[in-house]
Amino acid sequence: MKGTVLTGEKFVMSTLRFDLEIEHPYEPALDWAEAGRSAAIYLGSDIVKVKLPCDGKKDWWLEFSVTNVNYLIFVSRRLEFINKTSSG
């Protein structure tokens, strides 16, 4: 019975053009937080001279569900910030 009610509800909502597929506004913020975390790991490993694992097939930052573009943007921005603060 519950399934029938939910199916009917979905039908009514779609008939009224109610969008059931809503992107949450915090999704981009979560993506950038993941990119920031992976950038911090990269910069930290670079400072202490630890090589991050890479098997040649998959980049390590993909373990954090970070796209290559977001990762590179975050790393470059953090490096710019570090250079500005260290130069005075």
Protein backbone atom coordinates (compact mmCIF):
# COMPACT_ATOMS: atom_id res chain seq x y z
CA MET A 1 0.00 0.00 0.00
CA LYS A 2 2.83 2.39 0.86
CA GLY A 3 4.40 1.80 -2.57
CA THR A 4 1.09 2.58 -4.28
CA VAL A 5 0.76 5.85 -2.35
CA LEU A 6 4.34 6.86 -3.20
CA THR A 7 3.79 6.05 -6.88
CA GLY A 8 0.60 8.13 -6.89
CA GLU A 9 2.37 10.98 -5.12
CA LYS A 10 5.17 10.93 -7.67
CA PHE A 11 2.63 10.96 -10.51
CA VAL A 12 0.78 13.97 -9.04
CA MET A 13 4.02 15.86 -8.42
CA SER A 14 5.30 15.26 -11.96
CA THR A 15 1.89 16.23 -13.41
CA LEU A 16 2.12 19.52 -11.50
CA ARG A 17 5.68 19.88 -12.87
CA PHE A 18 7.17 19.74 -9.42
CA ASP A 19 10.88 19.08 -9.85
CA LEU A 20 11.78 15.95 -7.93
CA GLU A 21 15.46 16.13 -8.90
CA ILE A 22 16.74 19.12 -6.95
CA GLU A 23 20.45 19.74 -6.64
CA HIS A 24 21.28 20.66 -3.09
CA PRO A 25 23.01 24.04 -2.77
CA TYR A 26 25.71 22.64 -0.50
CA GLU A 27 26.98 20.07 -3.05
CA PRO A 28 29.55 22.46 -4.62
CA ALA A 29 30.77 23.39 -1.13
CA LEU A 30 31.30 19.71 -0.32
CA ASP A 31 33.18 19.23 -3.59
CA TRP A 32 35.52 22.11 -2.77
CA ALA A 33 36.03 20.80 0.77
CA GLU A 34 37.14 17.47 -0.69
CA ALA A 35 39.48 19.27 -3.09
CA GLY A 36 40.86 21.31 -0.19
CA ARG A 37 41.49 18.21 1.85
CA SER A 38 43.37 16.51 -0.96
CA ALA A 39 45.37 19.68 -1.65
CA ALA A 40 46.35 19.84 2.03
CA ILE A 41 47.50 16.22 1.87
CA TYR A 42 49.57 16.96 -1.22
CA LEU A 43 51.18 20.08 0.23
CA GLY A 44 51.83 18.36 3.56
CA SER A 45 53.47 15.40 1.86
CA ASP A 46 55.57 17.77 -0.23
CA ILE A 47 56.77 19.64 2.87
CA VAL A 48 57.83 16.45 4.68
CA LYS A 49 59.17 14.90 1.45
CA VAL A 50 56.85 11.88 1.39
CA LYS A 51 55.93 10.50 -2.02
CA LEU A 52 52.23 9.78 -2.37
CA PRO A 53 51.28 6.40 -3.86
CA CYS A 54 50.46 6.27 -7.54
CA ASP A 55 50.06 3.06 -9.50
CA GLY A 56 50.05 4.78 -12.89
CA LYS A 57 46.43 3.86 -13.55
CA LYS A 58 44.64 6.03 -11.03
CA ASP A 59 45.68 9.32 -9.46
CA TRP A 60 45.69 9.26 -5.66
CA TRP A 61 43.37 12.24 -5.28
CA LEU A 62 40.58 10.36 -7.04
CA GLU A 63 40.21 8.39 -3.79
CA PHE A 64 38.63 11.60 -2.44
CA SER A 65 36.19 11.92 -5.39
CA VAL A 66 37.98 15.07 -6.52
CA THR A 67 38.17 16.02 -10.17
CA ASN A 68 41.53 16.84 -11.66
CA VAL A 69 40.46 20.44 -12.36
CA ASN A 70 39.29 21.16 -8.80
CA TYR A 71 42.43 19.59 -7.39
CA LEU A 72 44.79 21.63 -9.57
CA ILE A 73 42.93 24.87 -8.86
CA PHE A 74 43.08 24.25 -5.11
CA VAL A 75 46.76 23.35 -5.09
CA SER A 76 47.72 26.39 -7.17
CA ARG A 77 45.71 28.72 -4.91
CA ARG A 78 47.25 27.28 -1.77
CA LEU A 79 50.74 27.59 -3.22
CA GLU A 80 50.05 31.23 -4.12
CA PHE A 81 48.86 31.86 -0.55
CA ILE A 82 51.91 30.16 0.95
CA ASN A 83 54.24 32.17 -1.28
CA LYS A 84 52.53 35.45 -0.35
CA THR A 85 52.59 34.78 3.38
CA SER A 86 56.17 33.50 3.45
CA SER A 87 57.52 36.45 1.44
CA GLY A 88 56.10 38.86 3.93
